[in-house]
Structures are given as structure tokens and as C-alpha cells.
Amino acid sequence: MRVIVFGATGMVGQGVLRESLLAPDVTEVLVVTRTPTGVHHPKLREVILADFSDLSSIEGELSGYDACFYCLGISSLGMDEASYTKVSYDYPMAAARTLAPRNPDMVFIYVSGAGTDANSRIMWSRVKGRTENEVMETFPNGYAFRPGFIQPTHGARSKTGWYNTAYALTAPLVPFFRKIAPGQVTTTDAIGRAMLRAARTGFPRRVVTNADMH
């Protein structure tokens, strides 16, 4: 498989990138990024994109791929709806609309989160729900992945500083969380393996929950 990763420098993206590079059936990983990942691997190729709302400068690089793992995201804390929509709707839909005509059979996976709902009164949930729906309309093989609590593994770190502090503080409690709510806890590497599984074989449901990933 040849795969594209958006958001490879974020916590989830780091896990997805790692698992993609480890997978023996993945022959090439193209990372679309603003800043280099710092990862060096014979399978890995990176293209720098300054504006994620306009992929015209790199569209010639985007044909012939089997899957796209869209992991680029941002915390909604302190953001107004217009600014959050730009990152969580405009950016992924620019990628989807550019990739779809060039890769019509592509599996496109958009990472949203548990609680996403296009009809929600909660801003982040409503925005991401709209994106989920349009991704699945754009791609016959489009999926929305909704992880719950994510434990970073293999050195993955969030770009949001207070997330890292929160993960460090809650790390001792993760075994307890897994015991009382196993369907709500996952890891960055598990998400990556689940995405690769969906890319290989598809999945019966297009909205993939935390429990489904396991």
C-alpha cells in the first residue's frame, strides 16, 4: 500500500506514522506537513505545505495512493467557531476534495473523537460531525474514527503542552481506566494499527468507535 498522512507531527499522527512505517505491506508513506517530522526512513517522503486550505502547489504529488490518514487537529479550547472550523473542516475537506478525483478508490480516514455529532450544541462536536459527514459523502471508502481517551505510546507527544501534562498525571490511572471502561481507552499505536486494518480490508461501519478499533 501507498499511504498519505496529514498531521504526522501531532500525537495521533506520530502513532499512525510509526505503525505505517513498521507495516511490511506499506511500501511508501507520504507525509504532508508544515514542518519536517525529524523521522528518517527509506519508506518515508515528506512534502511541505504552508497553507492546508490550498493543496494546488502539491497536487501533482498526490496520485496513486491507497489510503489517507487525516490526523491533523487542534484543541477547541479558547477558539471561536470560525477559527476552529478553518482547521477542523476547511483543511480536511480541502485534502479530501483534492485527493478524491485523483484516487477515487482511496480509503480516507478522518480522526474526530468520541462524542462527535453534527447536530450537537457543542461547537467542536458539531464542526467535526459536519466534516465526518462530508468526508463519507466524498469517498465511498471514507471513515470517521472516534477515539476516546488516548494513551500516548512509543514516545508520542501532543503539540498541546497541557495535554502532555495531563497524560503524565493520568498515566498511573490508565490500567484502572482500562479495567472499568475498556471500550473508552486506546493508544496511539492501536489507532495506527486499526487505521491500517481498515485500509486493507474495510470495516462494516463507517463511523468507527474506540471499541471498534480494538
N, C-alpha and C. Protein backbone atom coordinates (compact mmCIF):
# COMPACT_ATOMS: atom_id res chain seq x y z
N MET A 1 0.84 -1.19 0.00
CA MET A 1 0.00 0.00 0.00
C MET A 1 0.88 1.25 0.00
N ARG A 2 0.36 2.29 -0.61
CA ARG A 2 0.97 3.62 -0.53
C ARG A 2 -0.01 4.50 0.25
N VAL A 3 0.48 5.15 1.30
CA VAL A 3 -0.42 5.90 2.18
C VAL A 3 0.07 7.33 2.35
N ILE A 4 -0.89 8.22 2.64
CA ILE A 4 -0.61 9.62 2.94
C ILE A 4 -1.02 9.89 4.38
N VAL A 5 -0.20 10.64 5.10
CA VAL A 5 -0.52 11.03 6.48
C VAL A 5 -0.49 12.54 6.59
N PHE A 6 -1.61 13.11 7.05
CA PHE A 6 -1.67 14.52 7.43
C PHE A 6 -1.63 14.57 8.96
N GLY A 7 -0.88 15.54 9.50
CA GLY A 7 -0.82 15.67 10.96
C GLY A 7 0.14 14.71 11.61
N ALA A 8 1.21 14.34 10.90
CA ALA A 8 2.15 13.34 11.41
C ALA A 8 3.00 13.83 12.57
N THR A 9 3.01 15.15 12.84
CA THR A 9 3.77 15.66 13.98
C THR A 9 2.93 15.76 15.24
N GLY A 10 1.62 15.52 15.14
CA GLY A 10 0.75 15.50 16.31
C GLY A 10 0.79 14.14 16.98
N MET A 11 0.13 14.04 18.12
CA MET A 11 0.22 12.81 18.91
C MET A 11 -0.34 11.59 18.18
N VAL A 12 -1.56 11.70 17.67
CA VAL A 12 -2.15 10.58 16.94
C VAL A 12 -1.37 10.32 15.66
N GLY A 13 -0.99 11.38 14.95
CA GLY A 13 -0.25 11.22 13.71
C GLY A 13 1.08 10.54 13.91
N GLN A 14 1.74 10.80 15.03
CA GLN A 14 3.01 10.13 15.31
C GLN A 14 2.82 8.62 15.41
N GLY A 15 1.73 8.22 16.08
CA GLY A 15 1.44 6.80 16.20
C GLY A 15 1.10 6.16 14.87
N VAL A 16 0.32 6.86 14.07
CA VAL A 16 -0.07 6.35 12.75
C VAL A 16 1.16 6.24 11.84
N LEU A 17 2.02 7.26 11.88
CA LEU A 17 3.23 7.23 11.07
C LEU A 17 4.11 6.05 11.47
N ARG A 18 4.30 5.87 12.76
CA ARG A 18 5.14 4.76 13.24
C ARG A 18 4.62 3.42 12.75
N GLU A 19 3.33 3.18 12.91
CA GLU A 19 2.76 1.89 12.53
C GLU A 19 2.80 1.70 11.00
N SER A 20 2.63 2.78 10.26
CA SER A 20 2.69 2.68 8.80
C SER A 20 4.09 2.31 8.33
N LEU A 21 5.10 2.90 8.97
CA LEU A 21 6.48 2.58 8.60
C LEU A 21 6.86 1.16 8.99
N LEU A 22 6.25 0.66 10.06
CA LEU A 22 6.53 -0.71 10.51
C LEU A 22 5.82 -1.76 9.68
N ALA A 23 4.69 -1.40 9.06
CA ALA A 23 3.87 -2.38 8.35
C ALA A 23 4.59 -2.89 7.10
N PRO A 24 4.76 -4.21 6.97
CA PRO A 24 5.50 -4.74 5.82
C PRO A 24 4.80 -4.54 4.48
N ASP A 25 3.46 -4.37 4.49
CA ASP A 25 2.74 -4.21 3.23
C ASP A 25 2.63 -2.74 2.81
N VAL A 26 3.14 -1.81 3.63
CA VAL A 26 3.17 -0.40 3.25
C VAL A 26 4.51 -0.13 2.58
N THR A 27 4.46 0.27 1.32
CA THR A 27 5.69 0.48 0.56
C THR A 27 6.14 1.94 0.55
N GLU A 28 5.19 2.87 0.76
CA GLU A 28 5.54 4.29 0.76
C GLU A 28 4.60 5.05 1.68
N VAL A 29 5.18 5.98 2.45
CA VAL A 29 4.39 6.87 3.31
C VAL A 29 4.73 8.30 2.90
N LEU A 30 3.72 9.03 2.44
CA LEU A 30 3.89 10.44 2.10
C LEU A 30 3.31 11.26 3.24
N VAL A 31 4.13 12.08 3.86
CA VAL A 31 3.67 12.97 4.92
C VAL A 31 3.52 14.37 4.36
N VAL A 32 2.33 14.94 4.53
CA VAL A 32 2.07 16.33 4.15
C VAL A 32 2.13 17.14 5.44
N THR A 33 3.07 18.10 5.51
CA THR A 33 3.35 18.75 6.78
C THR A 33 3.82 20.18 6.59
N ARG A 34 3.65 20.99 7.63
CA ARG A 34 4.22 22.34 7.63
C ARG A 34 5.68 22.31 8.03
N THR A 35 6.01 21.39 8.95
CA THR A 35 7.38 21.30 9.46
C THR A 35 7.86 19.86 9.36
N PRO A 36 9.13 19.64 9.09
CA PRO A 36 9.65 18.27 8.97
C PRO A 36 9.38 17.46 10.23
N THR A 37 9.16 16.18 10.06
CA THR A 37 8.88 15.30 11.20
C THR A 37 10.13 14.97 11.99
N GLY A 38 11.29 15.01 11.35
CA GLY A 38 12.51 14.58 12.02
C GLY A 38 12.72 13.08 11.95
N VAL A 39 11.78 12.38 11.30
CA VAL A 39 11.88 10.93 11.14
C VAL A 39 12.58 10.62 9.83
N HIS A 40 13.48 9.65 9.87
CA HIS A 40 14.19 9.24 8.66
C HIS A 40 13.95 7.75 8.43
N HIS A 41 13.44 7.42 7.25
CA HIS A 41 13.11 6.03 6.93
C HIS A 41 13.06 5.89 5.42
N PRO A 42 13.53 4.76 4.87
CA PRO A 42 13.52 4.61 3.41
C PRO A 42 12.13 4.66 2.78
N LYS A 43 11.08 4.35 3.55
CA LYS A 43 9.72 4.40 3.01
C LYS A 43 9.14 5.82 3.01
N LEU A 44 9.74 6.70 3.80
CA LEU A 44 9.13 7.99 4.10
C LEU A 44 9.54 9.08 3.12
N ARG A 45 8.53 9.83 2.67
CA ARG A 45 8.76 11.02 1.86
C ARG A 45 7.89 12.14 2.43
N GLU A 46 8.44 13.34 2.51
CA GLU A 46 7.71 14.47 3.07
C GLU A 46 7.57 15.58 2.05
N VAL A 47 6.39 16.21 2.03
CA VAL A 47 6.20 17.42 1.23
C VAL A 47 5.74 18.52 2.17
N ILE A 48 6.32 19.70 2.00
CA ILE A 48 6.00 20.84 2.87
C ILE A 48 4.85 21.63 2.25
N LEU A 49 3.84 21.90 3.07
CA LEU A 49 2.67 22.67 2.64
C LEU A 49 2.44 23.80 3.63
N ALA A 50 2.49 25.03 3.17
CA ALA A 50 2.32 26.17 4.07
C ALA A 50 0.87 26.42 4.41
N ASP A 51 -0.04 26.19 3.45
CA ASP A 51 -1.46 26.52 3.64
C ASP A 51 -2.30 25.28 3.37
N PHE A 52 -2.86 24.70 4.42
CA PHE A 52 -3.61 23.45 4.27
C PHE A 52 -5.00 23.66 3.65
N SER A 53 -5.37 24.89 3.41
CA SER A 53 -6.63 25.14 2.73
C SER A 53 -6.47 25.14 1.22
N ASP A 54 -5.24 25.06 0.74
CA ASP A 54 -4.96 25.10 -0.70
C ASP A 54 -3.83 24.13 -1.02
N LEU A 55 -4.17 23.00 -1.64
CA LEU A 55 -3.19 21.96 -1.94
C LEU A 55 -2.70 22.03 -3.38
N SER A 56 -3.01 23.12 -4.09
CA SER A 56 -2.68 23.19 -5.51
C SER A 56 -1.17 23.09 -5.76
N SER A 57 -0.36 23.55 -4.82
CA SER A 57 1.09 23.53 -5.02
C SER A 57 1.69 22.13 -4.96
N ILE A 58 0.95 21.17 -4.38
CA ILE A 58 1.48 19.81 -4.26
C ILE A 58 0.59 18.76 -4.92
N GLU A 59 -0.47 19.20 -5.61
CA GLU A 59 -1.44 18.23 -6.12
C GLU A 59 -0.82 17.23 -7.08
N GLY A 60 0.26 17.60 -7.75
CA GLY A 60 0.94 16.66 -8.63
C GLY A 60 1.59 15.50 -7.91
N GLU A 61 1.73 15.63 -6.58
CA GLU A 61 2.37 14.59 -5.77
C GLU A 61 1.36 13.59 -5.20
N LEU A 62 0.06 13.81 -5.44
CA LEU A 62 -0.96 13.14 -4.64
C LEU A 62 -1.75 12.04 -5.36
N SER A 63 -1.25 11.55 -6.46
CA SER A 63 -1.96 10.49 -7.20
C SER A 63 -1.34 9.13 -6.93
N GLY A 64 -2.18 8.10 -7.04
CA GLY A 64 -1.69 6.73 -6.94
C GLY A 64 -1.56 6.20 -5.52
N TYR A 65 -2.35 6.75 -4.60
CA TYR A 65 -2.29 6.30 -3.20
C TYR A 65 -3.52 5.48 -2.83
N ASP A 66 -3.31 4.57 -1.89
CA ASP A 66 -4.38 3.65 -1.47
C ASP A 66 -5.15 4.15 -0.26
N ALA A 67 -4.51 4.95 0.58
CA ALA A 67 -5.16 5.40 1.81
C ALA A 67 -4.62 6.75 2.23
N CYS A 68 -5.47 7.52 2.92
CA CYS A 68 -5.06 8.78 3.54
C CYS A 68 -5.54 8.75 4.99
N PHE A 69 -4.61 8.98 5.91
CA PHE A 69 -4.93 9.03 7.33
C PHE A 69 -4.84 10.49 7.76
N TYR A 70 -6.01 11.10 7.96
CA TYR A 70 -6.06 12.54 8.26
C TYR A 70 -6.13 12.73 9.78
N CYS A 71 -4.99 13.06 10.37
CA CYS A 71 -4.87 13.16 11.83
C CYS A 71 -4.64 14.59 12.30
N LEU A 72 -4.66 15.55 11.40
CA LEU A 72 -4.41 16.94 11.76
C LEU A 72 -5.60 17.50 12.55
N GLY A 73 -5.31 18.07 13.70
CA GLY A 73 -6.38 18.61 14.51
C GLY A 73 -5.85 19.62 15.51
N ILE A 74 -6.76 20.18 16.29
CA ILE A 74 -6.40 21.22 17.25
C ILE A 74 -7.41 21.20 18.38
N SER A 75 -6.98 21.61 19.56
CA SER A 75 -7.91 21.74 20.67
C SER A 75 -8.85 22.92 20.42
N SER A 76 -10.10 22.76 20.80
CA SER A 76 -11.08 23.84 20.63
C SER A 76 -11.04 24.83 21.78
N LEU A 77 -10.24 24.55 22.81
CA LEU A 77 -10.20 25.39 23.99
C LEU A 77 -9.79 26.82 23.63
N GLY A 78 -10.65 27.77 23.93
CA GLY A 78 -10.34 29.17 23.69
C GLY A 78 -10.52 29.62 22.25
N MET A 79 -11.04 28.77 21.37
CA MET A 79 -11.19 29.12 19.97
C MET A 79 -12.64 29.48 19.66
N ASP A 80 -12.82 30.43 18.75
CA ASP A 80 -14.17 30.70 18.28
C ASP A 80 -14.50 29.73 17.15
N GLU A 81 -15.78 29.66 16.78
CA GLU A 81 -16.21 28.64 15.83
C GLU A 81 -15.58 28.83 14.45
N ALA A 82 -15.41 30.09 14.01
CA ALA A 82 -14.84 30.33 12.69
C ALA A 82 -13.40 29.82 12.61
N SER A 83 -12.61 30.09 13.64
CA SER A 83 -11.21 29.66 13.65
C SER A 83 -11.11 28.14 13.75
N TYR A 84 -11.97 27.56 14.57
CA TYR A 84 -11.95 26.10 14.73
C TYR A 84 -12.41 25.41 13.45
N THR A 85 -13.40 26.00 12.78
CA THR A 85 -13.90 25.44 11.53
C THR A 85 -12.81 25.43 10.46
N LYS A 86 -11.98 26.45 10.43
CA LYS A 86 -10.91 26.51 9.44
C LYS A 86 -10.00 25.30 9.53
N VAL A 87 -9.62 24.92 10.76
CA VAL A 87 -8.70 23.80 10.95
C VAL A 87 -9.42 22.45 10.87
N SER A 88 -10.61 22.37 11.43
CA SER A 88 -11.29 21.08 11.59
C SER A 88 -12.29 20.75 10.49
N TYR A 89 -12.60 21.73 9.63
CA TYR A 89 -13.47 21.45 8.48
C TYR A 89 -12.80 21.87 7.17
N ASP A 90 -12.37 23.12 7.06
CA ASP A 90 -11.81 23.61 5.80
C ASP A 90 -10.57 22.82 5.38
N TYR A 91 -9.65 22.59 6.32
CA TYR A 91 -8.42 21.88 5.99
C TYR A 91 -8.68 20.44 5.54
N PRO A 92 -9.38 19.63 6.35
CA PRO A 92 -9.60 18.24 5.89
C PRO A 92 -10.42 18.14 4.61
N MET A 93 -11.38 19.05 4.42
CA MET A 93 -12.17 18.96 3.20
C MET A 93 -11.37 19.42 1.98
N ALA A 94 -10.42 20.34 2.16
CA ALA A 94 -9.53 20.70 1.06
C ALA A 94 -8.72 19.48 0.64
N ALA A 95 -8.24 18.72 1.62
CA ALA A 95 -7.49 17.50 1.31
C ALA A 95 -8.39 16.48 0.63
N ALA A 96 -9.58 16.28 1.17
CA ALA A 96 -10.50 15.27 0.61
C ALA A 96 -10.88 15.61 -0.83
N ARG A 97 -11.20 16.86 -1.09
CA ARG A 97 -11.64 17.27 -2.43
C ARG A 97 -10.50 17.24 -3.44
N THR A 98 -9.27 17.41 -2.97
CA THR A 98 -8.13 17.32 -3.88
C THR A 98 -7.78 15.87 -4.17
N LEU A 99 -7.87 15.02 -3.16
CA LEU A 99 -7.47 13.62 -3.31
C LEU A 99 -8.50 12.77 -4.05
N ALA A 100 -9.79 13.03 -3.83
CA ALA A 100 -10.84 12.15 -4.35
C ALA A 100 -10.78 11.94 -5.86
N PRO A 101 -10.69 12.99 -6.68
CA PRO A 101 -10.66 12.75 -8.13
C PRO A 101 -9.39 12.05 -8.61
N ARG A 102 -8.32 12.16 -7.84
CA ARG A 102 -7.06 11.54 -8.23
C ARG A 102 -6.92 10.12 -7.71
N ASN A 103 -7.69 9.79 -6.68
CA ASN A 103 -7.62 8.47 -6.05
C ASN A 103 -9.03 8.03 -5.66
N PRO A 104 -9.89 7.74 -6.64
CA PRO A 104 -11.31 7.50 -6.33
C PRO A 104 -11.57 6.30 -5.44
N ASP A 105 -10.66 5.33 -5.42
CA ASP A 105 -10.86 4.13 -4.58
C ASP A 105 -10.14 4.24 -3.24
N MET A 106 -9.58 5.40 -2.97
CA MET A 106 -8.81 5.59 -1.74
C MET A 106 -9.67 5.40 -0.49
N VAL A 107 -9.06 4.80 0.54
CA VAL A 107 -9.64 4.81 1.88
C VAL A 107 -9.18 6.09 2.57
N PHE A 108 -10.14 6.94 2.93
CA PHE A 108 -9.83 8.21 3.59
C PHE A 108 -10.37 8.13 5.01
N ILE A 109 -9.48 8.23 5.99
CA ILE A 109 -9.88 8.13 7.39
C ILE A 109 -9.66 9.48 8.07
N TYR A 110 -10.74 10.03 8.59
CA TYR A 110 -10.69 11.30 9.31
C TYR A 110 -10.81 11.02 10.80
N VAL A 111 -9.86 11.53 11.58
CA VAL A 111 -9.89 11.33 13.02
C VAL A 111 -10.66 12.46 13.67
N SER A 112 -11.77 12.12 14.32
CA SER A 112 -12.55 13.13 15.03
C SER A 112 -12.43 12.86 16.53
N GLY A 113 -13.41 12.22 17.13
CA GLY A 113 -13.32 11.93 18.55
C GLY A 113 -14.66 11.46 19.09
N ALA A 114 -14.62 10.76 20.22
CA ALA A 114 -15.85 10.31 20.87
C ALA A 114 -16.71 11.51 21.20
N GLY A 115 -18.00 11.40 20.91
CA GLY A 115 -18.93 12.50 21.18
C GLY A 115 -19.19 13.40 20.01
N THR A 116 -18.56 13.11 18.87
CA THR A 116 -18.80 13.93 17.67
C THR A 116 -20.23 13.72 17.18
N ASP A 117 -20.88 14.83 16.82
CA ASP A 117 -22.28 14.77 16.38
C ASP A 117 -22.59 16.06 15.62
N ALA A 118 -22.95 15.92 14.36
CA ALA A 118 -23.24 17.09 13.53
C ALA A 118 -24.40 17.92 14.05
N ASN A 119 -25.26 17.33 14.87
CA ASN A 119 -26.42 18.05 15.42
C ASN A 119 -26.20 18.53 16.85
N SER A 120 -24.98 18.42 17.32
CA SER A 120 -24.69 18.78 18.70
C SER A 120 -24.76 20.29 18.93
N ARG A 121 -25.05 20.68 20.16
CA ARG A 121 -24.98 22.09 20.54
C ARG A 121 -23.54 22.48 20.91
N ILE A 122 -22.68 21.48 21.08
CA ILE A 122 -21.28 21.74 21.43
C ILE A 122 -20.51 22.04 20.16
N MET A 123 -19.80 23.15 20.14
CA MET A 123 -19.19 23.64 18.91
C MET A 123 -18.26 22.64 18.26
N TRP A 124 -17.27 22.10 19.00
CA TRP A 124 -16.29 21.21 18.38
C TRP A 124 -16.96 19.96 17.81
N SER A 125 -17.93 19.44 18.55
CA SER A 125 -18.64 18.23 18.14
C SER A 125 -19.41 18.46 16.85
N ARG A 126 -20.07 19.61 16.77
CA ARG A 126 -20.87 19.95 15.58
C ARG A 126 -19.98 20.14 14.35
N VAL A 127 -18.86 20.84 14.52
CA VAL A 127 -17.96 21.09 13.39
C VAL A 127 -17.36 19.78 12.88
N LYS A 128 -16.88 18.97 13.80
CA LYS A 128 -16.27 17.71 13.37
C LYS A 128 -17.31 16.75 12.79
N GLY A 129 -18.53 16.81 13.30
CA GLY A 129 -19.59 15.98 12.75
C GLY A 129 -19.89 16.33 11.30
N ARG A 130 -19.90 17.62 11.02
CA ARG A 130 -20.10 18.07 9.63
C ARG A 130 -18.98 17.54 8.73
N THR A 131 -17.74 17.60 9.23
CA THR A 131 -16.61 17.10 8.46
C THR A 131 -16.73 15.60 8.22
N GLU A 132 -17.07 14.86 9.26
CA GLU A 132 -17.27 13.41 9.11
C GLU A 132 -18.25 13.12 7.97
N ASN A 133 -19.40 13.78 8.02
CA ASN A 133 -20.44 13.51 7.03
C ASN A 133 -19.97 13.80 5.61
N GLU A 134 -19.26 14.91 5.43
CA GLU A 134 -18.83 15.27 4.09
C GLU A 134 -17.68 14.41 3.59
N VAL A 135 -16.82 13.96 4.49
CA VAL A 135 -15.77 13.00 4.10
C VAL A 135 -16.41 11.73 3.57
N MET A 136 -17.43 11.25 4.27
CA MET A 136 -18.07 9.99 3.87
C MET A 136 -18.91 10.16 2.61
N GLU A 137 -19.37 11.38 2.34
CA GLU A 137 -20.05 11.65 1.07
C GLU A 137 -19.05 11.74 -0.08
N THR A 138 -17.86 12.24 0.20
CA THR A 138 -16.85 12.45 -0.83
C THR A 138 -16.18 11.14 -1.24
N PHE A 139 -15.96 10.25 -0.26
CA PHE A 139 -15.27 8.99 -0.52
C PHE A 139 -16.19 7.81 -0.24
N PRO A 140 -16.41 6.93 -1.22
CA PRO A 140 -17.15 5.70 -0.94
C PRO A 140 -16.49 4.87 0.15
N ASN A 141 -15.16 5.00 0.27
CA ASN A 141 -14.41 4.30 1.31
C ASN A 141 -13.90 5.29 2.37
N GLY A 142 -14.76 6.22 2.75
CA GLY A 142 -14.41 7.18 3.78
C GLY A 142 -14.88 6.72 5.15
N TYR A 143 -14.05 6.97 6.17
CA TYR A 143 -14.37 6.56 7.53
C TYR A 143 -14.13 7.70 8.50
N ALA A 144 -14.92 7.71 9.58
CA ALA A 144 -14.70 8.62 10.70
C ALA A 144 -14.24 7.78 11.89
N PHE A 145 -13.06 8.05 12.39
CA PHE A 145 -12.53 7.36 13.57
C PHE A 145 -12.77 8.24 14.79
N ARG A 146 -13.41 7.67 15.82
CA ARG A 146 -13.75 8.42 17.02
C ARG A 146 -13.09 7.81 18.25
N PRO A 147 -11.80 8.08 18.45
CA PRO A 147 -11.15 7.55 19.65
C PRO A 147 -11.67 8.23 20.91
N GLY A 148 -11.52 7.55 22.04
CA GLY A 148 -11.87 8.12 23.34
C GLY A 148 -10.62 8.65 24.02
N PHE A 149 -10.34 8.16 25.21
CA PHE A 149 -9.11 8.55 25.90
C PHE A 149 -7.93 7.86 25.21
N ILE A 150 -6.94 8.67 24.81
CA ILE A 150 -5.80 8.12 24.07
C ILE A 150 -4.56 8.16 24.94
N GLN A 151 -3.95 7.01 25.14
CA GLN A 151 -2.68 6.94 25.86
C GLN A 151 -1.54 7.01 24.84
N PRO A 152 -0.65 8.01 24.94
CA PRO A 152 0.47 8.07 24.01
C PRO A 152 1.48 6.98 24.31
N THR A 153 1.98 6.33 23.27
CA THR A 153 2.94 5.25 23.42
C THR A 153 4.14 5.47 22.50
N HIS A 154 5.23 4.79 22.81
CA HIS A 154 6.45 4.84 21.99
C HIS A 154 6.94 6.26 21.75
N GLY A 155 6.82 7.08 22.80
CA GLY A 155 7.36 8.43 22.73
C GLY A 155 6.48 9.47 22.05
N ALA A 156 5.28 9.10 21.65
CA ALA A 156 4.37 10.07 21.01
C ALA A 156 4.02 11.17 22.01
N ARG A 157 3.97 12.41 21.51
CA ARG A 157 3.66 13.55 22.37
C ARG A 157 2.71 14.50 21.64
N SER A 158 1.82 15.10 22.41
CA SER A 158 0.92 16.09 21.85
C SER A 158 1.67 17.40 21.61
N LYS A 159 1.20 18.17 20.61
CA LYS A 159 1.75 19.51 20.37
C LYS A 159 1.13 20.53 21.32
N THR A 160 0.10 20.12 22.06
CA THR A 160 -0.54 20.98 23.06
C THR A 160 0.07 20.67 24.41
N GLY A 161 0.81 21.61 24.96
CA GLY A 161 1.59 21.37 26.16
C GLY A 161 0.80 20.82 27.34
N TRP A 162 -0.38 21.41 27.61
CA TRP A 162 -1.13 20.96 28.78
C TRP A 162 -1.67 19.55 28.61
N TYR A 163 -1.84 19.08 27.35
CA TYR A 163 -2.22 17.70 27.13
C TYR A 163 -1.14 16.76 27.67
N ASN A 164 0.13 17.10 27.38
CA ASN A 164 1.22 16.24 27.83
C ASN A 164 1.26 16.16 29.35
N THR A 165 1.00 17.30 30.00
CA THR A 165 0.96 17.30 31.46
C THR A 165 -0.18 16.43 31.96
N ALA A 166 -1.34 16.55 31.32
CA ALA A 166 -2.50 15.75 31.73
C ALA A 166 -2.23 14.27 31.53
N TYR A 167 -1.61 13.91 30.39
CA TYR A 167 -1.31 12.50 30.13
C TYR A 167 -0.32 11.96 31.16
N ALA A 168 0.68 12.77 31.52
CA ALA A 168 1.67 12.33 32.50
C ALA A 168 1.02 12.10 33.86
N LEU A 169 0.10 13.00 34.23
CA LEU A 169 -0.56 12.87 35.53
C LEU A 169 -1.51 11.69 35.59
N THR A 170 -2.16 11.39 34.47
CA THR A 170 -3.16 10.31 34.47
C THR A 170 -2.57 8.95 34.11
N ALA A 171 -1.31 8.92 33.68
CA ALA A 171 -0.70 7.65 33.25
C ALA A 171 -0.84 6.53 34.29
N PRO A 172 -0.62 6.81 35.60
CA PRO A 172 -0.77 5.73 36.58
C PRO A 172 -2.19 5.18 36.69
N LEU A 173 -3.17 5.99 36.24
CA LEU A 173 -4.57 5.57 36.35
C LEU A 173 -5.07 4.81 35.12
N VAL A 174 -4.26 4.77 34.05
CA VAL A 174 -4.72 4.14 32.81
C VAL A 174 -5.10 2.67 33.02
N PRO A 175 -4.31 1.85 33.75
CA PRO A 175 -4.74 0.46 33.97
C PRO A 175 -6.11 0.37 34.64
N PHE A 176 -6.38 1.30 35.57
CA PHE A 176 -7.69 1.33 36.23
C PHE A 176 -8.78 1.69 35.23
N PHE A 177 -8.53 2.71 34.38
CA PHE A 177 -9.50 3.10 33.35
C PHE A 177 -9.78 1.93 32.42
N ARG A 178 -8.72 1.21 32.04
CA ARG A 178 -8.90 0.08 31.13
C ARG A 178 -9.78 -1.00 31.76
N LYS A 179 -9.65 -1.16 33.07
CA LYS A 179 -10.41 -2.20 33.76
C LYS A 179 -11.90 -1.85 33.86
N ILE A 180 -12.19 -0.57 34.17
CA ILE A 180 -13.59 -0.20 34.38
C ILE A 180 -14.29 0.24 33.09
N ALA A 181 -13.51 0.70 32.09
CA ALA A 181 -14.12 1.15 30.83
C ALA A 181 -13.21 0.80 29.67
N PRO A 182 -13.04 -0.49 29.40
CA PRO A 182 -12.08 -0.90 28.37
C PRO A 182 -12.40 -0.37 26.98
N GLY A 183 -13.66 -0.10 26.71
CA GLY A 183 -14.03 0.39 25.39
C GLY A 183 -13.76 1.87 25.18
N GLN A 184 -13.33 2.58 26.24
CA GLN A 184 -13.12 4.02 26.14
C GLN A 184 -11.65 4.42 26.11
N VAL A 185 -10.75 3.47 26.24
CA VAL A 185 -9.32 3.77 26.31
C VAL A 185 -8.61 3.12 25.15
N THR A 186 -7.72 3.86 24.50
CA THR A 186 -6.92 3.29 23.43
C THR A 186 -5.53 3.89 23.48
N THR A 187 -4.67 3.51 22.55
CA THR A 187 -3.30 4.02 22.50
C THR A 187 -3.01 4.53 21.09
N THR A 188 -1.95 5.33 20.98
CA THR A 188 -1.62 5.87 19.67
C THR A 188 -1.23 4.76 18.69
N ASP A 189 -0.55 3.73 19.16
CA ASP A 189 -0.18 2.64 18.25
C ASP A 189 -1.39 1.79 17.86
N ALA A 190 -2.34 1.61 18.79
CA ALA A 190 -3.55 0.85 18.46
C ALA A 190 -4.38 1.56 17.40
N ILE A 191 -4.47 2.90 17.49
CA ILE A 191 -5.19 3.65 16.47
C ILE A 191 -4.53 3.46 15.11
N GLY A 192 -3.21 3.53 15.08
CA GLY A 192 -2.49 3.34 13.83
C GLY A 192 -2.73 1.98 13.22
N ARG A 193 -2.71 0.94 14.04
CA ARG A 193 -2.94 -0.42 13.51
C ARG A 193 -4.38 -0.58 13.03
N ALA A 194 -5.32 0.06 13.74
CA ALA A 194 -6.73 -0.02 13.32
C ALA A 194 -6.94 0.69 11.98
N MET A 195 -6.28 1.81 11.79
CA MET A 195 -6.39 2.52 10.50
C MET A 195 -5.84 1.66 9.37
N LEU A 196 -4.72 1.04 9.59
CA LEU A 196 -4.14 0.17 8.55
C LEU A 196 -5.05 -1.01 8.26
N ARG A 197 -5.68 -1.54 9.29
CA ARG A 197 -6.61 -2.65 9.09
C ARG A 197 -7.79 -2.20 8.22
N ALA A 198 -8.33 -1.02 8.50
CA ALA A 198 -9.45 -0.51 7.71
C ALA A 198 -9.01 -0.26 6.27
N ALA A 199 -7.78 0.21 6.09
CA ALA A 199 -7.28 0.46 4.74
C ALA A 199 -7.13 -0.84 3.95
N ARG A 200 -6.78 -1.91 4.65
CA ARG A 200 -6.57 -3.20 3.97
C ARG A 200 -7.89 -3.89 3.63
N THR A 201 -8.81 -3.92 4.58
CA THR A 201 -9.98 -4.79 4.45
C THR A 201 -11.31 -4.07 4.56
N GLY A 202 -11.29 -2.76 4.84
CA GLY A 202 -12.54 -2.06 5.07
C GLY A 202 -13.08 -2.36 6.46
N PHE A 203 -14.27 -1.81 6.75
CA PHE A 203 -14.91 -2.04 8.05
C PHE A 203 -16.41 -1.99 7.86
N PRO A 204 -17.17 -2.81 8.59
CA PRO A 204 -18.63 -2.86 8.37
C PRO A 204 -19.34 -1.54 8.62
N ARG A 205 -18.81 -0.73 9.54
CA ARG A 205 -19.43 0.56 9.85
C ARG A 205 -18.47 1.68 9.47
N ARG A 206 -19.03 2.78 9.00
CA ARG A 206 -18.17 3.88 8.54
C ARG A 206 -17.80 4.84 9.66
N VAL A 207 -18.55 4.80 10.74
CA VAL A 207 -18.16 5.52 11.95
C VAL A 207 -17.56 4.50 12.91
N VAL A 208 -16.27 4.64 13.18
CA VAL A 208 -15.53 3.63 13.92
C VAL A 208 -15.27 4.15 15.33
N THR A 209 -15.82 3.45 16.32
CA THR A 209 -15.70 3.87 17.71
C THR A 209 -14.42 3.34 18.33
N ASN A 210 -14.17 3.79 19.54
CA ASN A 210 -12.99 3.32 20.28
C ASN A 210 -13.02 1.80 20.44
N ALA A 211 -14.18 1.26 20.80
CA ALA A 211 -14.30 -0.20 20.97
C ALA A 211 -14.06 -0.92 19.65
N ASP A 212 -14.56 -0.35 18.54
CA ASP A 212 -14.35 -0.95 17.23
C ASP A 212 -12.86 -1.05 16.90
N MET A 213 -12.09 -0.02 17.29
CA MET A 213 -10.65 -0.03 16.99
C MET A 213 -9.95 -1.22 17.63
N HIS A 214 -10.40 -1.59 18.80
CA HIS A 214 -9.82 -2.75 19.48
C HIS A 214 -10.23 -4.05 18.81
